[in-house]
Amino acid sequence: IPKNKKSQERKTVSQKGSSVKESSVILAERSPKARENERNKSR
């Protein structure tokens, strides 16, 4: 399950505050539900 590992790694990067927006965009591209969540968070 390398995909999961990569997503987890990205989460760690976003938690660090390196590029939260970039990781968010990648997550949004992966699942539309995450995109909606990000939109709500933006509000």
PDB file of N, CA and C in Angstrom:
ATOM      1  N   ILE A   1       0.858  -1.222   0.000  1.00  0.00           N
ATOM      2  CA  ILE A   1       0.000   0.000   0.000  1.00  0.00           C
ATOM      3  C   ILE A   1       0.881   1.254   0.000  1.00  0.00           C
ATOM      4  N   PRO A   2       1.618   1.466  -1.073  1.00  0.00           N
ATOM      5  CA  PRO A   2       2.517   2.633  -1.161  1.00  0.00           C
ATOM      6  C   PRO A   2       1.725   3.929  -1.274  1.00  0.00           C
ATOM      7  N   LYS A   3       0.573   3.875  -1.877  1.00  0.00           N
ATOM      8  CA  LYS A   3      -0.228   5.104  -2.022  1.00  0.00           C
ATOM      9  C   LYS A   3      -0.580   5.664  -0.645  1.00  0.00           C
ATOM     10  N   ASN A   4      -0.988   4.774   0.233  1.00  0.00           N
ATOM     11  CA  ASN A   4      -1.364   5.207   1.582  1.00  0.00           C
ATOM     12  C   ASN A   4      -0.161   5.840   2.272  1.00  0.00           C
ATOM     13  N   LYS A   5       0.994   5.206   2.109  1.00  0.00           N
ATOM     14  CA  LYS A   5       2.201   5.718   2.762  1.00  0.00           C
ATOM     15  C   LYS A   5       2.494   7.121   2.250  1.00  0.00           C
ATOM     16  N   LYS A   6       2.333   7.313   0.966  1.00  0.00           N
ATOM     17  CA  LYS A   6       2.651   8.625   0.389  1.00  0.00           C
ATOM     18  C   LYS A   6       1.678   9.675   0.939  1.00  0.00           C
ATOM     19  N   SER A   7       0.413   9.324   1.007  1.00  0.00           N
ATOM     20  CA  SER A   7      -0.581  10.286   1.508  1.00  0.00           C
ATOM     21  C   SER A   7      -0.271  10.616   2.968  1.00  0.00           C
ATOM     22  N   GLN A   8       0.147   9.602   3.719  1.00  0.00           N
ATOM     23  CA  GLN A   8       0.471   9.848   5.135  1.00  0.00           C
ATOM     24  C   GLN A   8       1.676  10.784   5.220  1.00  0.00           C
ATOM     25  N   GLU A   9       2.640  10.552   4.362  1.00  0.00           N
ATOM     26  CA  GLU A   9       3.839  11.400   4.385  1.00  0.00           C
ATOM     27  C   GLU A   9       3.434  12.840   4.086  1.00  0.00           C
ATOM     28  N   ARG A  10       2.552  13.008   3.147  1.00  0.00           N
ATOM     29  CA  ARG A  10       2.124  14.347   2.760  1.00  0.00           C
ATOM     30  C   ARG A  10       1.394  14.991   3.950  1.00  0.00           C
ATOM     31  N   LYS A  11       0.619  14.210   4.641  1.00  0.00           N
ATOM     32  CA  LYS A  11      -0.107  14.753   5.799  1.00  0.00           C
ATOM     33  C   LYS A  11       0.895  15.296   6.809  1.00  0.00           C
ATOM     34  N   THR A  12       1.965  14.571   7.008  1.00  0.00           N
ATOM     35  CA  THR A  12       2.991  15.013   7.963  1.00  0.00           C
ATOM     36  C   THR A  12       3.578  16.336   7.487  1.00  0.00           C
ATOM     37  N   VAL A  13       3.807  16.432   6.201  1.00  0.00           N
ATOM     38  CA  VAL A  13       4.388  17.670   5.657  1.00  0.00           C
ATOM     39  C   VAL A  13       3.416  18.825   5.896  1.00  0.00           C
ATOM     40  N   SER A  14       2.140  18.574   5.642  1.00  0.00           N
ATOM     41  CA  SER A  14       1.150  19.645   5.822  1.00  0.00           C
ATOM     42  C   SER A  14       1.086  20.021   7.299  1.00  0.00           C
ATOM     43  N   GLN A  15       1.196  19.022   8.171  1.00  0.00           N
ATOM     44  CA  GLN A  15       1.152  19.316   9.609  1.00  0.00           C
ATOM     45  C   GLN A  15       2.337  20.201   9.986  1.00  0.00           C
ATOM     46  N   LYS A  16       3.464  19.953   9.339  1.00  0.00           N
ATOM     47  CA  LYS A  16       4.652  20.756   9.637  1.00  0.00           C
ATOM     48  C   LYS A  16       4.425  22.205   9.211  1.00  0.00           C
ATOM     49  N   GLY A  17       3.521  22.398   8.277  1.00  0.00           N
ATOM     50  CA  GLY A  17       3.253  23.768   7.823  1.00  0.00           C
ATOM     51  C   GLY A  17       4.135  24.133   6.640  1.00  0.00           C
ATOM     52  N   SER A  18       4.711  23.126   5.998  1.00  0.00           N
ATOM     53  CA  SER A  18       5.595  23.406   4.853  1.00  0.00           C
ATOM     54  C   SER A  18       4.763  23.940   3.686  1.00  0.00           C
ATOM     55  N   SER A  19       3.753  23.177   3.321  1.00  0.00           N
ATOM     56  CA  SER A  19       2.890  23.599   2.206  1.00  0.00           C
ATOM     57  C   SER A  19       1.527  22.946   2.397  1.00  0.00           C
ATOM     58  N   VAL A  20       0.781  23.505   3.328  1.00  0.00           N
ATOM     59  CA  VAL A  20      -0.529  22.905   3.634  1.00  0.00           C
ATOM     60  C   VAL A  20      -1.438  23.002   2.419  1.00  0.00           C
ATOM     61  N   LYS A  21      -1.391  24.144   1.753  1.00  0.00           N
ATOM     62  CA  LYS A  21      -2.284  24.323   0.614  1.00  0.00           C
ATOM     63  C   LYS A  21      -1.960  23.304  -0.488  1.00  0.00           C
ATOM     64  N   GLU A  22      -0.682  23.111  -0.748  1.00  0.00           N
ATOM     65  CA  GLU A  22      -0.299  22.175  -1.822  1.00  0.00           C
ATOM     66  C   GLU A  22      -0.810  20.769  -1.499  1.00  0.00           C
ATOM     67  N   SER A  23      -0.581  20.342  -0.264  1.00  0.00           N
ATOM     68  CA  SER A  23      -1.027  18.994   0.113  1.00  0.00           C
ATOM     69  C   SER A  23      -2.551  18.931   0.039  1.00  0.00           C
ATOM     70  N   SER A  24      -3.209  20.016   0.399  1.00  0.00           N
ATOM     71  CA  SER A  24      -4.674  20.047   0.337  1.00  0.00           C
ATOM     72  C   SER A  24      -5.129  19.848  -1.100  1.00  0.00           C
ATOM     73  N   VAL A  25      -4.451  20.528  -2.001  1.00  0.00           N
ATOM     74  CA  VAL A  25      -4.837  20.421  -3.416  1.00  0.00           C
ATOM     75  C   VAL A  25      -4.668  18.980  -3.881  1.00  0.00           C
ATOM     76  N   ILE A  26      -3.574  18.371  -3.480  1.00  0.00           N
ATOM     77  CA  ILE A  26      -3.321  16.983  -3.904  1.00  0.00           C
ATOM     78  C   ILE A  26      -4.415  16.077  -3.335  1.00  0.00           C
ATOM     79  N   LEU A  27      -4.764  16.294  -2.087  1.00  0.00           N
ATOM     80  CA  LEU A  27      -5.799  15.457  -1.467  1.00  0.00           C
ATOM     81  C   LEU A  27      -7.133  15.694  -2.176  1.00  0.00           C
ATOM     82  N   ALA A  28      -7.414  16.927  -2.504  1.00  0.00           N
ATOM     83  CA  ALA A  28      -8.676  17.248  -3.180  1.00  0.00           C
ATOM     84  C   ALA A  28      -8.722  16.540  -4.534  1.00  0.00           C
ATOM     85  N   GLU A  29      -7.581  16.527  -5.222  1.00  0.00           N
ATOM     86  CA  GLU A  29      -7.548  15.858  -6.531  1.00  0.00           C
ATOM     87  C   GLU A  29      -7.835  14.369  -6.362  1.00  0.00           C
ATOM     88  N   ARG A  30      -7.416  13.825  -5.218  1.00  0.00           N
ATOM     89  CA  ARG A  30      -7.592  12.382  -5.000  1.00  0.00           C
ATOM     90  C   ARG A  30      -9.065  12.055  -4.718  1.00  0.00           C
ATOM     91  N   SER A  31      -9.716  12.838  -3.871  1.00  0.00           N
ATOM     92  CA  SER A  31     -11.119  12.524  -3.527  1.00  0.00           C
ATOM     93  C   SER A  31     -11.944  13.813  -3.502  1.00  0.00           C
ATOM     94  N   PRO A  32     -13.095  13.784  -4.144  1.00  0.00           N
ATOM     95  CA  PRO A  32     -13.948  14.986  -4.184  1.00  0.00           C
ATOM     96  C   PRO A  32     -14.479  15.352  -2.798  1.00  0.00           C
ATOM     97  N   LYS A  33     -14.667  14.353  -1.968  1.00  0.00           N
ATOM     98  CA  LYS A  33     -15.191  14.634  -0.622  1.00  0.00           C
ATOM     99  C   LYS A  33     -14.187  15.508   0.136  1.00  0.00           C
ATOM    100  N   ALA A  34     -12.914  15.184   0.021  1.00  0.00           N
ATOM    101  CA  ALA A  34     -11.878  15.971   0.703  1.00  0.00           C
ATOM    102  C   ALA A  34     -11.925  17.401   0.179  1.00  0.00           C
ATOM    103  N   ARG A  35     -12.201  17.535  -1.093  1.00  0.00           N
ATOM    104  CA  ARG A  35     -12.246  18.878  -1.698  1.00  0.00           C
ATOM    105  C   ARG A  35     -13.381  19.679  -1.038  1.00  0.00           C
ATOM    106  N   GLU A  36     -14.515  19.051  -0.876  1.00  0.00           N
ATOM    107  CA  GLU A  36     -15.638  19.755  -0.238  1.00  0.00           C
ATOM    108  C   GLU A  36     -15.258  20.134   1.191  1.00  0.00           C
ATOM    109  N   ASN A  37     -14.589  19.230   1.871  1.00  0.00           N
ATOM    110  CA  ASN A  37     -14.176  19.507   3.257  1.00  0.00           C
ATOM    111  C   ASN A  37     -13.259  20.722   3.287  1.00  0.00           C
ATOM    112  N   GLU A  38     -12.330  20.765   2.362  1.00  0.00           N
ATOM    113  CA  GLU A  38     -11.389  21.899   2.322  1.00  0.00           C
ATOM    114  C   GLU A  38     -12.164  23.188   2.074  1.00  0.00           C
ATOM    115  N   ARG A  39     -13.159  23.116   1.211  1.00  0.00           N
ATOM    116  CA  ARG A  39     -13.952  24.317   0.894  1.00  0.00           C
ATOM    117  C   ARG A  39     -14.637  24.816   2.179  1.00  0.00           C
ATOM    118  N   ASN A  40     -15.206  23.895   2.910  1.00  0.00           N
ATOM    119  CA  ASN A  40     -15.880  24.282   4.156  1.00  0.00           C
ATOM    120  C   ASN A  40     -14.863  24.870   5.138  1.00  0.00           C
ATOM    121  N   LYS A  41     -13.688  24.294   5.166  1.00  0.00           N
ATOM    122  CA  LYS A  41     -12.657  24.789   6.099  1.00  0.00           C
ATOM    123  C   LYS A  41     -12.243  26.202   5.694  1.00  0.00           C
ATOM    124  N   SER A  42     -12.174  26.418   4.394  1.00  0.00           N
ATOM    125  CA  SER A  42     -11.758  27.744   3.896  1.00  0.00           C
ATOM    126  C   SER A  42     -12.747  28.794   4.404  1.00  0.00           C
ATOM    127  N   ARG A  43     -14.033  28.453   4.411  1.00  0.00           N
ATOM    128  CA  ARG A  43     -15.048  29.395   4.879  1.00  0.00           C
ATOM    129  C   ARG A  43     -14.787  29.646   6.349  1.00  0.00           C
TER     130      ARG A  43
END
